[in-house]
């Protein structure tokens, strides 16, 4: 089931998302209780989370402890 999410606020592009075409960017919008993430090339698909799980994900990425799920075992 798909839900339509209306986000009040401004989408911000990641400063790490370089490139000249502008469509390879991770964008973030926040509300008081939630964080919303989307890709510039698929703005209708939004991942919604809270701050604690997102902070854990970022800490894992910075520490390089997040397992790569794309490579075969």
PDB file of N, CA and C in Angstrom:
ATOM      1  N   UNK A   1       0.842  -1.161   0.000  1.00  0.00           N
ATOM      2  CA  UNK A   1       0.000   0.000   0.000  1.00  0.00           C
ATOM      3  C   UNK A   1       0.897   1.237   0.000  1.00  0.00           C
ATOM      4  N   UNK A   2       0.626   2.145  -0.881  1.00  0.00           N
ATOM      5  CA  UNK A   2       1.379   3.397  -0.953  1.00  0.00           C
ATOM      6  C   UNK A   2       0.606   4.486  -0.242  1.00  0.00           C
ATOM      7  N   UNK A   3       1.358   5.315   0.464  1.00  0.00           N
ATOM      8  CA  UNK A   3       0.773   6.451   1.152  1.00  0.00           C
ATOM      9  C   UNK A   3       1.354   7.728   0.567  1.00  0.00           C
ATOM     10  N   UNK A   4       0.556   8.746   0.518  1.00  0.00           N
ATOM     11  CA  UNK A   4       1.044  10.050   0.102  1.00  0.00           C
ATOM     12  C   UNK A   4       1.454  10.808   1.349  1.00  0.00           C
ATOM     13  N   UNK A   5       2.674  11.308   1.344  1.00  0.00           N
ATOM     14  CA  UNK A   5       3.195  12.042   2.484  1.00  0.00           C
ATOM     15  C   UNK A   5       3.357  13.498   2.079  1.00  0.00           C
ATOM     16  N   UNK A   6       2.766  14.370   2.839  1.00  0.00           N
ATOM     17  CA  UNK A   6       2.951  15.794   2.613  1.00  0.00           C
ATOM     18  C   UNK A   6       3.943  16.291   3.651  1.00  0.00           C
ATOM     19  N   UNK A   7       5.054  16.804   3.184  1.00  0.00           N
ATOM     20  CA  UNK A   7       6.102  17.289   4.060  1.00  0.00           C
ATOM     21  C   UNK A   7       6.042  18.813   4.061  1.00  0.00           C
ATOM     22  N   UNK A   8       5.873  19.367   5.226  1.00  0.00           N
ATOM     23  CA  UNK A   8       5.915  20.824   5.344  1.00  0.00           C
ATOM     24  C   UNK A   8       7.344  21.188   5.699  1.00  0.00           C
ATOM     25  N   UNK A   9       7.941  22.000   4.906  1.00  0.00           N
ATOM     26  CA  UNK A   9       9.326  22.373   5.139  1.00  0.00           C
ATOM     27  C   UNK A   9      10.083  22.365   3.833  1.00  0.00           C
ATOM     28  N   UNK A  10      11.365  22.464   3.947  1.00  0.00           N
ATOM     29  CA  UNK A  10      12.216  22.563   2.778  1.00  0.00           C
ATOM     30  C   UNK A  10      13.087  21.322   2.658  1.00  0.00           C
ATOM     31  N   UNK A  11      13.159  20.783   1.465  1.00  0.00           N
ATOM     32  CA  UNK A  11      14.071  19.683   1.192  1.00  0.00           C
ATOM     33  C   UNK A  11      15.464  20.269   1.029  1.00  0.00           C
ATOM     34  N   UNK A  12      16.438  19.675   1.689  1.00  0.00           N
ATOM     35  CA  UNK A  12      17.827  20.111   1.592  1.00  0.00           C
ATOM     36  C   UNK A  12      18.633  19.016   0.934  1.00  0.00           C
ATOM     37  N   UNK A  13      19.476  19.387  -0.019  1.00  0.00           N
ATOM     38  CA  UNK A  13      20.336  18.413  -0.685  1.00  0.00           C
ATOM     39  C   UNK A  13      21.597  18.208   0.135  1.00  0.00           C
ATOM     40  N   UNK A  14      22.092  16.995   0.113  1.00  0.00           N
ATOM     41  CA  UNK A  14      23.336  16.683   0.794  1.00  0.00           C
ATOM     42  C   UNK A  14      24.483  17.468   0.176  1.00  0.00           C
ATOM     43  N   UNK A  15      25.359  17.988   1.016  1.00  0.00           N
ATOM     44  CA  UNK A  15      26.531  18.704   0.503  1.00  0.00           C
ATOM     45  C   UNK A  15      27.514  17.734  -0.143  1.00  0.00           C
ATOM     46  N   UNK A  16      27.373  16.449   0.134  1.00  0.00           N
ATOM     47  CA  UNK A  16      28.248  15.429  -0.441  1.00  0.00           C
ATOM     48  C   UNK A  16      27.796  15.035  -1.843  1.00  0.00           C
ATOM     49  N   UNK A  17      26.588  15.399  -2.208  1.00  0.00           N
ATOM     50  CA  UNK A  17      26.019  15.027  -3.504  1.00  0.00           C
ATOM     51  C   UNK A  17      26.484  15.985  -4.584  1.00  0.00           C
ATOM     52  N   UNK A  18      27.653  15.737  -5.096  1.00  0.00           N
ATOM     53  CA  UNK A  18      28.180  16.582  -6.166  1.00  0.00           C
ATOM     54  C   UNK A  18      27.566  16.196  -7.492  1.00  0.00           C
ATOM     55  N   UNK A  19      28.186  16.581  -8.541  1.00  0.00           N
ATOM     56  CA  UNK A  19      27.697  16.232  -9.866  1.00  0.00           C
ATOM     57  C   UNK A  19      27.020  17.402 -10.535  1.00  0.00           C
ATOM     58  N   UNK A  20      27.042  17.350 -11.832  1.00  0.00           N
ATOM     59  CA  UNK A  20      26.519  18.479 -12.587  1.00  0.00           C
ATOM     60  C   UNK A  20      25.048  18.324 -12.951  1.00  0.00           C
ATOM     61  N   UNK A  21      24.524  17.086 -12.941  1.00  0.00           N
ATOM     62  CA  UNK A  21      23.143  16.924 -13.401  1.00  0.00           C
ATOM     63  C   UNK A  21      22.113  17.219 -12.317  1.00  0.00           C
ATOM     64  N   UNK A  22      22.512  17.224 -11.073  1.00  0.00           N
ATOM     65  CA  UNK A  22      21.605  17.575  -9.989  1.00  0.00           C
ATOM     66  C   UNK A  22      20.604  16.506  -9.618  1.00  0.00           C
ATOM     67  N   UNK A  23      20.668  15.326 -10.220  1.00  0.00           N
ATOM     68  CA  UNK A  23      19.714  14.272  -9.919  1.00  0.00           C
ATOM     69  C   UNK A  23      20.324  13.084  -9.186  1.00  0.00           C
ATOM     70  N   UNK A  24      21.517  13.212  -8.684  1.00  0.00           N
ATOM     71  CA  UNK A  24      22.152  12.145  -7.915  1.00  0.00           C
ATOM     72  C   UNK A  24      22.321  12.591  -6.471  1.00  0.00           C
ATOM     73  N   UNK A  25      21.282  13.128  -5.905  1.00  0.00           N
ATOM     74  CA  UNK A  25      21.378  13.733  -4.589  1.00  0.00           C
ATOM     75  C   UNK A  25      20.436  13.068  -3.595  1.00  0.00           C
ATOM     76  N   UNK A  26      20.907  12.984  -2.372  1.00  0.00           N
ATOM     77  CA  UNK A  26      20.062  12.599  -1.258  1.00  0.00           C
ATOM     78  C   UNK A  26      19.520  13.892  -0.673  1.00  0.00           C
ATOM     79  N   UNK A  27      18.209  13.931  -0.474  1.00  0.00           N
ATOM     80  CA  UNK A  27      17.578  15.120   0.085  1.00  0.00           C
ATOM     81  C   UNK A  27      16.942  14.783   1.424  1.00  0.00           C
ATOM     82  N   UNK A  28      16.938  15.744   2.325  1.00  0.00           N
ATOM     83  CA  UNK A  28      16.430  15.552   3.674  1.00  0.00           C
ATOM     84  C   UNK A  28      15.480  16.687   4.027  1.00  0.00           C
ATOM     85  N   UNK A  29      14.380  16.337   4.649  1.00  0.00           N
ATOM     86  CA  UNK A  29      13.461  17.320   5.220  1.00  0.00           C
ATOM     87  C   UNK A  29      13.151  16.845   6.635  1.00  0.00           C
ATOM     88  N   UNK A  30      12.966  17.781   7.535  1.00  0.00           N
ATOM     89  CA  UNK A  30      12.676  17.372   8.908  1.00  0.00           C
ATOM     90  C   UNK A  30      11.430  18.060   9.431  1.00  0.00           C
ATOM     91  N   UNK A  31      10.759  17.346  10.307  1.00  0.00           N
ATOM     92  CA  UNK A  31       9.649  17.872  11.076  1.00  0.00           C
ATOM     93  C   UNK A  31      10.065  17.711  12.534  1.00  0.00           C
ATOM     94  N   UNK A  32       9.343  18.238  13.487  1.00  0.00           N
ATOM     95  CA  UNK A  32       9.783  18.104  14.875  1.00  0.00           C
ATOM     96  C   UNK A  32      10.012  16.662  15.330  1.00  0.00           C
ATOM     97  N   UNK A  33       9.262  15.715  14.808  1.00  0.00           N
ATOM     98  CA  UNK A  33       9.379  14.335  15.281  1.00  0.00           C
ATOM     99  C   UNK A  33      10.031  13.371  14.298  1.00  0.00           C
ATOM    100  N   UNK A  34      10.145  13.738  13.029  1.00  0.00           N
ATOM    101  CA  UNK A  34      10.609  12.778  12.020  1.00  0.00           C
ATOM    102  C   UNK A  34      11.578  13.406  11.040  1.00  0.00           C
ATOM    103  N   UNK A  35      12.338  12.513  10.387  1.00  0.00           N
ATOM    104  CA  UNK A  35      13.224  12.878   9.288  1.00  0.00           C
ATOM    105  C   UNK A  35      12.715  12.180   8.040  1.00  0.00           C
ATOM    106  N   UNK A  36      12.767  12.862   6.925  1.00  0.00           N
ATOM    107  CA  UNK A  36      12.284  12.323   5.656  1.00  0.00           C
ATOM    108  C   UNK A  36      13.434  12.395   4.660  1.00  0.00           C
ATOM    109  N   UNK A  37      13.717  11.289   3.997  1.00  0.00           N
ATOM    110  CA  UNK A  37      14.793  11.229   3.017  1.00  0.00           C
ATOM    111  C   UNK A  37      14.241  10.782   1.680  1.00  0.00           C
ATOM    112  N   UNK A  38      14.822  11.322   0.609  1.00  0.00           N
ATOM    113  CA  UNK A  38      14.437  10.899  -0.733  1.00  0.00           C
ATOM    114  C   UNK A  38      15.620  11.118  -1.667  1.00  0.00           C
ATOM    115  N   UNK A  39      15.550  10.477  -2.820  1.00  0.00           N
ATOM    116  CA  UNK A  39      16.538  10.700  -3.873  1.00  0.00           C
ATOM    117  C   UNK A  39      15.956  11.716  -4.843  1.00  0.00           C
ATOM    118  N   UNK A  40      16.821  12.577  -5.371  1.00  0.00           N
ATOM    119  CA  UNK A  40      16.355  13.616  -6.296  1.00  0.00           C
ATOM    120  C   UNK A  40      15.686  13.032  -7.527  1.00  0.00           C
ATOM    121  N   UNK A  41      16.181  11.881  -7.992  1.00  0.00           N
ATOM    122  CA  UNK A  41      15.617  11.312  -9.211  1.00  0.00           C
ATOM    123  C   UNK A  41      14.356  10.489  -8.951  1.00  0.00           C
ATOM    124  N   UNK A  42      13.959  10.308  -7.689  1.00  0.00           N
ATOM    125  CA  UNK A  42      12.722   9.596  -7.350  1.00  0.00           C
ATOM    126  C   UNK A  42      12.037  10.306  -6.187  1.00  0.00           C
ATOM    127  N   UNK A  43      11.620  11.557  -6.373  1.00  0.00           N
ATOM    128  CA  UNK A  43      11.097  12.341  -5.252  1.00  0.00           C
ATOM    129  C   UNK A  43       9.779  11.839  -4.666  1.00  0.00           C
ATOM    130  N   UNK A  44       9.074  10.979  -5.371  1.00  0.00           N
ATOM    131  CA  UNK A  44       7.816  10.466  -4.839  1.00  0.00           C
ATOM    132  C   UNK A  44       8.031   9.378  -3.785  1.00  0.00           C
ATOM    133  N   UNK A  45       9.219   8.792  -3.750  1.00  0.00           N
ATOM    134  CA  UNK A  45       9.533   7.757  -2.776  1.00  0.00           C
ATOM    135  C   UNK A  45      10.267   8.394  -1.611  1.00  0.00           C
ATOM    136  N   UNK A  46       9.663   8.332  -0.425  1.00  0.00           N
ATOM    137  CA  UNK A  46      10.215   8.980   0.758  1.00  0.00           C
ATOM    138  C   UNK A  46      10.402   7.955   1.866  1.00  0.00           C
ATOM    139  N   UNK A  47      11.579   7.952   2.462  1.00  0.00           N
ATOM    140  CA  UNK A  47      11.868   7.126   3.632  1.00  0.00           C
ATOM    141  C   UNK A  47      11.703   8.013   4.852  1.00  0.00           C
ATOM    142  N   UNK A  48      10.870   7.594   5.786  1.00  0.00           N
ATOM    143  CA  UNK A  48      10.625   8.377   6.992  1.00  0.00           C
ATOM    144  C   UNK A  48      11.144   7.603   8.196  1.00  0.00           C
ATOM    145  N   UNK A  49      11.879   8.295   9.056  1.00  0.00           N
ATOM    146  CA  UNK A  49      12.451   7.681  10.239  1.00  0.00           C
ATOM    147  C   UNK A  49      12.471   8.721  11.355  1.00  0.00           C
ATOM    148  N   UNK A  50      12.948   8.314  12.510  1.00  0.00           N
ATOM    149  CA  UNK A  50      13.143   9.250  13.613  1.00  0.00           C
ATOM    150  C   UNK A  50      14.640   9.496  13.767  1.00  0.00           C
ATOM    151  N   UNK A  51      14.982  10.429  14.613  1.00  0.00           N
ATOM    152  CA  UNK A  51      16.377  10.845  14.736  1.00  0.00           C
ATOM    153  C   UNK A  51      17.308   9.758  15.265  1.00  0.00           C
ATOM    154  N   UNK A  52      16.880   8.981  16.251  1.00  0.00           N
ATOM    155  CA  UNK A  52      17.768   7.984  16.856  1.00  0.00           C
ATOM    156  C   UNK A  52      18.234   6.913  15.867  1.00  0.00           C
ATOM    157  N   UNK A  53      17.336   6.258  15.120  1.00  0.00           N
ATOM    158  CA  UNK A  53      17.811   5.261  14.158  1.00  0.00           C
ATOM    159  C   UNK A  53      18.700   5.878  13.066  1.00  0.00           C
ATOM    160  N   UNK A  54      18.367   7.088  12.640  1.00  0.00           N
ATOM    161  CA  UNK A  54      19.178   7.746  11.613  1.00  0.00           C
ATOM    162  C   UNK A  54      20.563   8.077  12.162  1.00  0.00           C
ATOM    163  N   UNK A  55      20.633   8.517  13.408  1.00  0.00           N
ATOM    164  CA  UNK A  55      21.929   8.802  14.043  1.00  0.00           C
ATOM    165  C   UNK A  55      22.770   7.532  14.149  1.00  0.00           C
ATOM    166  N   UNK A  56      22.136   6.403  14.473  1.00  0.00           N
ATOM    167  CA  UNK A  56      22.859   5.125  14.537  1.00  0.00           C
ATOM    168  C   UNK A  56      23.387   4.721  13.163  1.00  0.00           C
ATOM    169  N   UNK A  57      22.582   4.920  12.133  1.00  0.00           N
ATOM    170  CA  UNK A  57      23.017   4.609  10.769  1.00  0.00           C
ATOM    171  C   UNK A  57      24.223   5.465  10.394  1.00  0.00           C
ATOM    172  N   UNK A  58      24.144   6.760  10.640  1.00  0.00           N
ATOM    173  CA  UNK A  58      25.268   7.645  10.314  1.00  0.00           C
ATOM    174  C   UNK A  58      26.525   7.266  11.095  1.00  0.00           C
ATOM    175  N   UNK A  59      26.371   6.938  12.372  1.00  0.00           N
ATOM    176  CA  UNK A  59      27.531   6.528  13.179  1.00  0.00           C
ATOM    177  C   UNK A  59      28.155   5.260  12.612  1.00  0.00           C
ATOM    178  N   UNK A  60      27.322   4.312  12.197  1.00  0.00           N
ATOM    179  CA  UNK A  60      27.832   3.082  11.597  1.00  0.00           C
ATOM    180  C   UNK A  60      28.546   3.332  10.275  1.00  0.00           C
ATOM    181  N   UNK A  61      28.003   4.220   9.473  1.00  0.00           N
ATOM    182  CA  UNK A  61      28.650   4.552   8.200  1.00  0.00           C
ATOM    183  C   UNK A  61      29.987   5.246   8.435  1.00  0.00           C
ATOM    184  N   UNK A  62      30.018   6.152   9.392  1.00  0.00           N
ATOM    185  CA  UNK A  62      31.270   6.856   9.689  1.00  0.00           C
ATOM    186  C   UNK A  62      32.330   5.908  10.236  1.00  0.00           C
ATOM    187  N   UNK A  63      31.902   4.927  11.016  1.00  0.00           N
ATOM    188  CA  UNK A  63      32.833   3.959  11.598  1.00  0.00           C
ATOM    189  C   UNK A  63      33.114   2.788  10.655  1.00  0.00           C
ATOM    190  N   UNK A  64      32.438   2.785   9.498  1.00  0.00           N
ATOM    191  CA  UNK A  64      32.567   1.721   8.502  1.00  0.00           C
ATOM    192  C   UNK A  64      32.194   0.361   9.082  1.00  0.00           C
ATOM    193  N   UNK A  65      31.130   0.335   9.900  1.00  0.00           N
ATOM    194  CA  UNK A  65      30.675  -0.916  10.495  1.00  0.00           C
ATOM    195  C   UNK A  65      29.346  -1.387   9.914  1.00  0.00           C
ATOM    196  N   UNK A  66      28.820  -0.670   8.931  1.00  0.00           N
ATOM    197  CA  UNK A  66      27.571  -1.084   8.286  1.00  0.00           C
ATOM    198  C   UNK A  66      27.918  -2.098   7.214  1.00  0.00           C
ATOM    199  N   UNK A  67      27.288  -3.255   7.283  1.00  0.00           N
ATOM    200  CA  UNK A  67      27.574  -4.341   6.330  1.00  0.00           C
ATOM    201  C   UNK A  67      27.108  -3.964   4.930  1.00  0.00           C
ATOM    202  N   UNK A  68      27.903  -4.329   3.953  1.00  0.00           N
ATOM    203  CA  UNK A  68      27.547  -4.103   2.545  1.00  0.00           C
ATOM    204  C   UNK A  68      26.582  -5.202   2.133  1.00  0.00           C
ATOM    205  N   UNK A  69      25.351  -4.833   1.873  1.00  0.00           N
ATOM    206  CA  UNK A  69      24.319  -5.798   1.510  1.00  0.00           C
ATOM    207  C   UNK A  69      24.261  -6.045   0.000  1.00  0.00           C
ATOM    208  N   UNK A  70      25.108  -5.372  -0.776  1.00  0.00           N
ATOM    209  CA  UNK A  70      25.027  -5.506  -2.228  1.00  0.00           C
ATOM    210  C   UNK A  70      25.948  -6.575  -2.770  1.00  0.00           C
ATOM    211  N   UNK A  71      26.961  -6.974  -2.022  1.00  0.00           N
ATOM    212  CA  UNK A  71      27.885  -7.976  -2.537  1.00  0.00           C
ATOM    213  C   UNK A  71      27.451  -9.380  -2.115  1.00  0.00           C
ATOM    214  N   UNK A  72      27.752 -10.339  -2.945  1.00  0.00           N
ATOM    215  CA  UNK A  72      27.385 -11.732  -2.667  1.00  0.00           C
ATOM    216  C   UNK A  72      28.295 -12.290  -1.586  1.00  0.00           C
ATOM    217  N   UNK A  73      27.758 -13.170  -0.727  1.00  0.00           N
ATOM    218  CA  UNK A  73      28.574 -13.776   0.335  1.00  0.00           C
ATOM    219  C   UNK A  73      29.624 -14.719  -0.196  1.00  0.00           C
TER     220      UNK A  73
END
